[in-house]
Amino acid sequence: MGSRKLLFFVTEDWYFCSHRLPLGVAARAAGYDVVVVTRVREHGERITAAGLRLIPFEMSRRSANPLAELGVLWRLWRVYRTERPDIVHHVSLKPVLYGSLVAKLAGMRAIVNAMAGLGILFSSDSSKARLLRPLVKTVFRLLLGDRRELLILQNQDNVAEMTEAGIVPAERIRLVRGAGVDLAEFAVQPEPSGVPRILLVARMLWDKGVGDFVAAARLLHERGVVAECVLVGEPDVANPAAIPLQQLRAWHAEGVVRWLGRREDVAALYAGCHIACLPSFYGEGIPKSLLEAAASGRAIVTTDAPGCREVVQHEGNGLLVPVRDPAALADAFARLVSDAELRQRMGRVSRERAEQEFALALSVQQTLDVYTELLPG
């Protein structure tokens, strides 16, 4: 029997490279012919260099134009009918909704839908989100959960939300706790000397708690706590919660935080920090930045929110604080800044958790097992 074809449908090439490229490479090594359908900007060559076939596919995450979206569905149907994959893997909300519909119409016999958290639509209190949420849940009920498909979720909170609301039957859900982390790339280094550095790595979105981080940094300064607060990442312009560049530059100019922009040397940045932070209220799956911080052996401050609390055990490998609470965030920072022994103990627990629960090899194998479950023999 020839190789089976696996088709990934993902919105952005950068996201595929960041979160799914090792899975694609492992699937190819397992005998799959792997095709990636995504919007291509800067990472196309990296995908093809890994031995995966790339089909550029233009779409907007924010478009609400019905004619344009019908055009997306038509083009996607043509891709599926031309490629005729044995199994399709859709990642994030729009590919899950559009891909599931098209896959059914095109007669696909094995469908994997992966939600990296339930995202802004489920976590936001905006009027638009409140309006769309019931509609999306109804569409989920219609599209997801039949015998030819499985839904991958990353944390128990999301599993409970989907099952208790009757959106997807529990027997059609598989838990894979994040994209995993490369334990060799994010190796443990001793804490550097000098002023304690607190590092937030994320897309620069309000929903990632970046504004709360800046407010907490101001509180530290007002209290006379000596620490360097650093932001790493760039705005995601396709996201309505993107922080304007002028705001990031103003914070940097103010001196309360340093904004480094997009960086490729994230492992070195974690090695050069003392405390990792992600005060998100975004609707996370398992935040990749927290996995990288844990593998790097750093104490973590994050919010007591879905996804974040899967990585951090309060008083174990870090501290959990309420969402949207800069004062509590500042209190947690101050405690860890003043107690190197506590930081280092928490850092050791972080690394142990990364090795035991969040290793890249574990995540990849669990996902390959989902493929095998849908395509036995």
Protein backbone atom coordinates (compact mmCIF):
# COMPACT_ATOMS: atom_id res chain seq x y z
CA MET A 1 0.00 0.00 0.00
CA GLY A 2 1.32 3.45 -0.93
CA SER A 3 1.79 6.28 1.49
CA ARG A 4 -1.27 7.97 2.87
CA LYS A 5 -1.78 11.68 2.31
CA LEU A 6 -2.12 14.03 5.29
CA LEU A 7 -3.29 17.59 4.61
CA PHE A 8 -2.87 20.39 7.16
CA PHE A 9 -5.09 23.47 6.83
CA VAL A 10 -3.73 26.34 8.96
CA THR A 11 -4.31 30.09 8.65
CA GLU A 12 -0.71 31.31 8.71
CA ASP A 13 2.66 29.87 7.66
CA TRP A 14 4.38 31.31 10.77
CA TYR A 15 1.94 29.50 13.02
CA PHE A 16 2.48 26.18 11.25
CA CYS A 17 6.24 26.54 11.63
CA SER A 18 6.00 27.59 15.26
CA HIS A 19 3.49 24.98 16.42
CA ARG A 20 3.11 22.16 13.89
CA LEU A 21 6.26 21.80 11.76
CA PRO A 22 7.81 19.06 13.97
CA LEU A 23 4.53 17.14 13.73
CA GLY A 24 4.55 17.44 9.94
CA VAL A 25 8.14 16.20 9.81
CA ALA A 26 7.32 13.29 12.11
CA ALA A 27 4.26 12.39 10.03
CA ARG A 28 6.42 12.34 6.90
CA ALA A 29 8.91 10.08 8.67
CA ALA A 30 5.99 7.81 9.60
CA GLY A 31 5.13 7.39 5.94
CA TYR A 32 2.60 10.13 5.24
CA ASP A 33 2.68 12.34 2.16
CA VAL A 34 2.28 15.69 3.93
CA VAL A 35 0.65 18.73 2.32
CA VAL A 36 0.33 22.12 4.04
CA VAL A 37 -2.39 24.55 2.95
CA THR A 38 -1.81 27.99 4.45
CA ARG A 39 -1.35 31.68 3.77
CA VAL A 40 2.33 32.13 2.86
CA ARG A 41 4.32 35.16 3.90
CA GLU A 42 7.84 34.58 5.26
CA HIS A 43 8.07 30.88 6.12
CA GLY A 44 7.24 29.02 2.93
CA GLU A 45 10.83 27.97 2.23
CA ARG A 46 11.16 26.56 5.74
CA ILE A 47 8.13 24.34 5.17
CA THR A 48 9.32 23.03 1.81
CA ALA A 49 12.88 22.58 3.09
CA ALA A 50 11.44 20.16 5.66
CA GLY A 51 10.19 17.96 2.82
CA LEU A 52 6.55 19.02 3.03
CA ARG A 53 4.52 20.13 0.02
CA LEU A 54 3.12 23.63 0.29
CA ILE A 55 -0.08 24.99 -1.26
CA PRO A 56 -0.33 28.76 -0.77
CA PHE A 57 -3.86 29.72 0.22
CA GLU A 58 -4.96 33.32 0.72
CA MET A 59 -7.56 34.01 3.39
CA SER A 60 -8.19 36.57 6.09
CA ARG A 61 -8.79 35.71 9.74
CA ARG A 62 -10.86 38.89 10.14
CA SER A 63 -12.93 39.03 6.97
CA ALA A 64 -16.70 39.09 7.41
CA ASN A 65 -17.57 39.69 3.75
CA PRO A 66 -19.99 36.89 2.79
CA LEU A 67 -18.98 36.84 -0.87
CA ALA A 68 -15.29 36.73 -0.01
CA GLU A 69 -15.87 33.90 2.47
CA LEU A 70 -17.89 31.93 -0.06
CA GLY A 71 -14.91 32.33 -2.38
CA VAL A 72 -12.62 30.91 0.31
CA LEU A 73 -14.90 27.90 0.73
CA TRP A 74 -15.01 27.32 -3.03
CA ARG A 75 -11.23 27.50 -3.38
CA LEU A 76 -10.77 25.19 -0.40
CA TRP A 77 -13.24 22.68 -1.87
CA ARG A 78 -11.22 22.66 -5.10
CA VAL A 79 -8.01 21.98 -3.16
CA TYR A 80 -9.61 19.09 -1.24
CA ARG A 81 -11.15 17.58 -4.37
CA THR A 82 -7.84 17.86 -6.23
CA GLU A 83 -5.62 16.54 -3.45
CA ARG A 84 -8.04 13.90 -2.09
CA PRO A 85 -6.14 13.44 1.20
CA ASP A 86 -6.74 10.37 3.34
CA ILE A 87 -6.83 12.56 6.44
CA VAL A 88 -7.15 16.30 7.01
CA HIS A 89 -5.94 18.19 10.08
CA HIS A 90 -7.50 21.61 10.69
CA VAL A 91 -5.94 23.95 13.25
CA SER A 92 -7.76 26.87 14.97
CA LEU A 93 -11.28 28.23 14.68
CA LYS A 94 -11.68 29.29 11.05
CA PRO A 95 -9.90 26.29 9.50
CA VAL A 96 -11.92 24.00 11.80
CA LEU A 97 -15.23 25.51 10.72
CA TYR A 98 -14.46 25.93 7.03
CA GLY A 99 -12.34 22.82 6.73
CA SER A 100 -14.89 20.56 8.41
CA LEU A 101 -17.68 21.76 6.15
CA VAL A 102 -15.62 21.38 2.99
CA ALA A 103 -14.16 18.03 4.06
CA LYS A 104 -17.64 16.60 4.51
CA LEU A 105 -18.81 17.97 1.15
CA ALA A 106 -15.68 16.57 -0.51
CA GLY A 107 -16.19 13.13 1.03
CA MET A 108 -13.14 13.05 3.31
CA ARG A 109 -13.19 9.94 5.48
CA ALA A 110 -10.90 11.08 8.34
CA ILE A 111 -10.98 14.58 9.87
CA VAL A 112 -8.92 15.92 12.77
CA ASN A 113 -9.96 19.28 14.20
CA ALA A 114 -7.52 20.91 16.62
CA MET A 115 -8.40 23.93 18.74
CA ALA A 116 -5.43 25.67 20.34
CA GLY A 117 -7.69 27.09 23.00
CA LEU A 118 -11.13 28.52 22.36
CA GLY A 119 -9.65 31.93 21.66
CA ILE A 120 -10.97 35.44 21.76
CA LEU A 121 -14.44 34.51 20.50
CA PHE A 122 -15.09 32.43 23.62
CA SER A 123 -13.16 34.57 26.12
CA SER A 124 -14.09 38.11 25.06
CA ASP A 125 -16.90 40.14 26.63
CA SER A 126 -17.28 42.30 23.53
CA SER A 127 -20.73 42.66 22.01
CA LYS A 128 -19.51 41.08 18.77
CA ALA A 129 -18.17 38.01 20.59
CA ARG A 130 -21.37 37.66 22.64
CA LEU A 131 -23.39 37.82 19.43
CA LEU A 132 -21.29 35.31 17.50
CA ARG A 133 -20.68 32.80 20.30
CA PRO A 134 -24.10 31.06 20.17
CA LEU A 135 -23.90 30.88 16.38
CA VAL A 136 -20.43 29.30 16.44
CA LYS A 137 -21.50 26.80 19.10
CA THR A 138 -24.48 25.80 16.96
CA VAL A 139 -22.24 25.35 13.92
CA PHE A 140 -19.84 23.27 16.04
CA ARG A 141 -22.71 20.99 17.03
CA LEU A 142 -23.63 20.50 13.38
CA LEU A 143 -20.10 20.03 12.02
CA LEU A 144 -18.11 18.27 14.74
CA GLY A 145 -18.38 14.95 16.45
CA ASP A 146 -19.45 12.35 13.90
CA ARG A 147 -17.68 9.00 13.58
CA ARG A 148 -15.17 10.06 10.95
CA GLU A 149 -13.66 12.90 12.98
CA LEU A 150 -11.93 13.64 16.27
CA LEU A 151 -11.49 16.95 18.07
CA ILE A 152 -8.13 17.65 19.74
CA LEU A 153 -8.25 20.03 22.70
CA GLN A 154 -5.33 21.15 24.85
CA ASN A 155 -6.72 21.58 28.35
CA GLN A 156 -9.38 20.16 30.64
CA ASP A 157 -11.29 23.45 30.90
CA ASN A 158 -11.94 23.40 27.15
CA VAL A 159 -12.94 19.72 27.26
CA ALA A 160 -15.46 20.50 29.99
CA GLU A 161 -16.87 23.49 28.11
CA MET A 162 -17.37 21.50 24.92
CA THR A 163 -18.89 18.43 26.58
CA GLU A 164 -21.05 20.06 29.26
CA ALA A 165 -22.66 22.35 26.69
CA GLY A 166 -23.40 19.35 24.49
CA ILE A 167 -21.32 20.73 21.63
CA VAL A 168 -19.13 17.67 21.02
CA PRO A 169 -19.57 14.20 22.56
CA ALA A 170 -16.82 13.30 25.02
CA GLU A 171 -15.96 10.15 23.06
CA ARG A 172 -15.00 12.29 20.02
CA ILE A 173 -12.48 14.44 21.97
CA ARG A 174 -8.81 13.69 22.53
CA LEU A 175 -6.62 15.66 24.93
CA VAL A 176 -3.15 16.60 23.63
CA ARG A 177 -1.62 19.14 25.99
CA GLY A 178 -0.14 21.67 23.65
CA ALA A 179 2.31 21.61 20.78
CA GLY A 180 5.10 20.45 23.08
CA VAL A 181 8.52 21.92 23.70
CA ASP A 182 11.97 20.91 22.45
CA LEU A 183 13.79 20.02 25.66
CA ALA A 184 17.19 20.20 23.97
CA GLU A 185 16.66 23.66 22.48
CA PHE A 186 15.25 25.07 25.73
CA ALA A 187 17.86 23.74 28.09
CA VAL A 188 18.34 24.84 31.68
CA GLN A 189 20.97 27.50 32.29
CA PRO A 190 21.95 29.02 35.67
CA GLU A 191 20.29 32.31 36.50
CA PRO A 192 22.37 35.25 35.26
CA SER A 193 23.86 37.72 37.69
CA GLY A 194 22.66 41.27 37.94
CA VAL A 195 19.23 42.90 38.15
CA PRO A 196 16.39 40.35 38.10
CA ARG A 197 14.77 40.25 34.67
CA ILE A 198 11.07 39.47 34.15
CA LEU A 199 10.28 38.29 30.61
CA LEU A 200 6.98 38.19 28.72
CA VAL A 201 7.10 36.46 25.32
CA ALA A 202 3.89 36.63 23.30
CA ARG A 203 2.12 38.25 20.42
CA MET A 204 1.59 41.83 21.51
CA LEU A 205 -2.15 41.61 22.19
CA TRP A 206 -4.15 43.26 24.94
CA ASP A 207 -5.74 39.85 25.65
CA LYS A 208 -2.33 38.40 26.43
CA GLY A 209 -2.26 40.72 29.44
CA VAL A 210 0.49 42.93 28.05
CA GLY A 211 -1.15 46.09 29.43
CA ASP A 212 -1.44 44.46 32.86
CA PHE A 213 2.26 43.55 32.69
CA VAL A 214 3.17 47.18 31.99
CA ALA A 215 0.92 48.39 34.82
CA ALA A 216 2.57 45.89 37.20
CA ALA A 217 6.02 47.10 36.08
CA ARG A 218 4.99 50.67 37.00
CA LEU A 219 3.85 49.48 40.43
CA LEU A 220 7.22 47.79 41.01
CA HIS A 221 8.99 51.02 40.11
CA GLU A 222 6.75 53.03 42.46
CA ARG A 223 7.48 50.59 45.28
CA GLY A 224 11.21 50.81 44.73
CA VAL A 225 11.54 47.16 43.63
CA VAL A 226 14.53 46.90 41.31
CA ALA A 227 13.73 44.69 38.31
CA GLU A 228 13.92 44.84 34.53
CA CYS A 229 10.61 44.08 32.78
CA VAL A 230 11.00 42.96 29.15
CA LEU A 231 8.43 42.43 26.37
CA VAL A 232 9.27 40.20 23.39
CA GLY A 233 6.99 39.84 20.39
CA GLU A 234 5.25 41.87 17.73
CA PRO A 235 1.62 42.86 17.19
CA ASP A 236 -0.55 40.44 15.24
CA VAL A 237 -2.17 42.94 12.91
CA ALA A 238 -4.90 40.47 11.88
CA ASN A 239 -6.10 40.31 15.48
CA PRO A 240 -8.48 43.03 16.70
CA ALA A 241 -6.73 43.02 20.09
CA ALA A 242 -3.34 43.95 18.59
CA ILE A 243 -1.51 46.64 20.54
CA PRO A 244 -0.58 49.57 18.28
CA LEU A 245 3.11 49.98 17.50
CA GLN A 246 3.05 53.54 18.79
CA GLN A 247 1.85 52.30 22.17
CA LEU A 248 4.65 49.73 22.40
CA ARG A 249 7.19 52.36 21.43
CA ALA A 250 5.77 54.80 23.99
CA TRP A 251 6.09 52.22 26.79
CA HIS A 252 9.66 51.53 25.74
CA ALA A 253 10.48 55.25 25.63
CA GLU A 254 8.93 55.72 29.07
CA GLY A 255 11.48 53.24 30.42
CA VAL A 256 9.11 51.22 32.57
CA VAL A 257 9.53 48.23 30.23
CA ARG A 258 11.89 47.29 27.42
CA TRP A 259 10.20 46.16 24.20
CA LEU A 260 12.53 44.06 22.04
CA GLY A 261 10.08 43.32 19.22
CA ARG A 262 10.17 40.03 17.39
CA ARG A 263 13.14 37.82 18.25
CA GLU A 264 14.28 34.42 17.03
CA ASP A 265 16.62 33.73 19.98
CA VAL A 266 13.85 32.97 22.48
CA ALA A 267 15.81 30.18 24.19
CA ALA A 268 18.67 32.58 24.89
CA LEU A 269 16.24 35.18 26.21
CA TYR A 270 14.76 32.70 28.69
CA ALA A 271 18.28 31.70 29.73
CA GLY A 272 18.97 35.38 30.39
CA CYS A 273 15.92 36.00 32.56
CA HIS A 274 14.99 35.19 36.16
CA ILE A 275 11.18 35.09 35.98
CA ALA A 276 8.82 34.28 33.08
CA CYS A 277 5.37 35.79 32.82
CA LEU A 278 2.19 35.51 30.76
CA PRO A 279 -0.79 37.31 32.37
CA SER A 280 -3.18 36.15 29.64
CA PHE A 281 -6.98 36.22 29.58
CA TYR A 282 -7.06 35.24 25.89
CA GLY A 283 -8.73 31.84 25.99
CA GLU A 284 -5.51 29.83 25.70
CA GLY A 285 -4.98 26.19 24.85
CA ILE A 286 -1.55 25.52 26.34
CA PRO A 287 0.59 28.64 25.77
CA LYS A 288 3.78 27.71 23.96
CA SER A 289 5.71 30.48 25.69
CA LEU A 290 4.94 28.96 29.09
CA LEU A 291 6.15 25.55 27.93
CA GLU A 292 9.39 27.12 26.75
CA ALA A 293 9.78 28.95 30.06
CA ALA A 294 9.18 25.73 32.00
CA ALA A 295 11.69 23.78 29.90
CA SER A 296 14.20 26.58 30.52
CA GLY A 297 13.85 26.00 34.24
CA ARG A 298 12.32 29.32 35.16
CA ALA A 299 9.79 30.27 37.83
CA ILE A 300 6.58 31.43 36.14
CA VAL A 301 3.94 34.01 37.00
CA THR A 302 0.72 33.56 35.04
CA THR A 303 -3.02 33.92 35.38
CA ASP A 304 -5.38 31.44 36.97
CA ALA A 305 -7.04 30.90 33.59
CA PRO A 306 -7.64 27.97 31.22
CA GLY A 307 -4.42 26.72 29.66
CA CYS A 308 -2.14 28.81 31.84
CA ARG A 309 -3.00 26.87 35.00
CA GLU A 310 -2.31 23.62 33.15
CA VAL A 311 1.37 24.58 33.01
CA VAL A 312 1.79 26.23 36.41
CA GLN A 313 0.97 24.69 39.78
CA HIS A 314 0.55 27.50 42.28
CA GLU A 315 3.48 27.53 44.73
CA GLY A 316 4.94 24.59 42.79
CA ASN A 317 6.66 25.89 39.67
CA GLY A 318 5.25 29.39 39.89
CA LEU A 319 2.50 31.68 41.07
CA LEU A 320 -1.04 32.05 39.74
CA VAL A 321 -2.74 35.44 39.93
CA PRO A 322 -6.27 36.60 39.04
CA VAL A 323 -6.82 37.82 35.49
CA ARG A 324 -6.66 41.57 34.86
CA ASP A 325 -5.12 42.29 38.26
CA PRO A 326 -1.88 44.31 37.90
CA ALA A 327 -1.54 44.72 41.68
CA ALA A 328 -1.57 40.95 42.25
CA LEU A 329 0.87 40.59 39.37
CA ALA A 330 3.22 43.14 40.95
CA ASP A 331 2.97 41.37 44.32
CA ALA A 332 3.98 38.06 42.69
CA PHE A 333 6.89 39.72 40.87
CA ALA A 334 8.11 41.40 44.06
CA ARG A 335 8.02 38.14 46.00
CA LEU A 336 10.08 36.27 43.40
CA VAL A 337 12.49 39.15 42.80
CA SER A 338 13.35 39.16 46.52
CA ASP A 339 13.74 35.38 46.91
CA ALA A 340 16.32 33.75 44.64
CA GLU A 341 16.07 30.43 46.47
CA LEU A 342 12.31 30.27 45.86
CA ARG A 343 12.75 31.16 42.18
CA GLN A 344 15.33 28.46 41.68
CA ARG A 345 13.29 25.82 43.47
CA MET A 346 10.29 26.66 41.31
CA GLY A 347 12.51 26.59 38.24
CA ARG A 348 13.59 23.03 38.99
CA VAL A 349 9.95 21.97 39.27
CA SER A 350 9.21 23.73 35.97
CA ARG A 351 11.84 21.68 34.18
CA GLU A 352 10.58 18.45 35.73
CA ARG A 353 7.04 19.21 34.57
CA ALA A 354 8.27 20.02 31.06
CA GLU A 355 10.15 16.72 30.85
CA GLN A 356 7.32 14.60 32.23
CA GLU A 357 4.25 16.25 30.71
CA PHE A 358 5.04 18.62 27.86
CA ALA A 359 7.94 17.20 25.84
CA LEU A 360 7.67 17.70 22.08
CA ALA A 361 8.07 13.97 21.42
CA LEU A 362 5.07 13.22 23.64
CA SER A 363 2.81 15.73 21.88
CA VAL A 364 3.85 14.52 18.43
CA GLN A 365 3.28 10.85 19.27
CA GLN A 366 -0.13 11.52 20.80
CA THR A 367 -1.21 13.30 17.63
CA LEU A 368 0.13 10.56 15.38
CA ASP A 369 -1.90 8.13 17.50
CA VAL A 370 -5.03 10.17 16.68
CA TYR A 371 -4.27 9.74 12.97
CA THR A 372 -3.85 6.00 13.43
CA GLU A 373 -7.11 5.80 15.34
CA LEU A 374 -8.96 7.35 12.40
CA LEU A 375 -6.98 5.42 9.76
CA PRO A 376 -6.29 1.99 11.27
CA GLY A 377 -4.40 -0.69 9.40
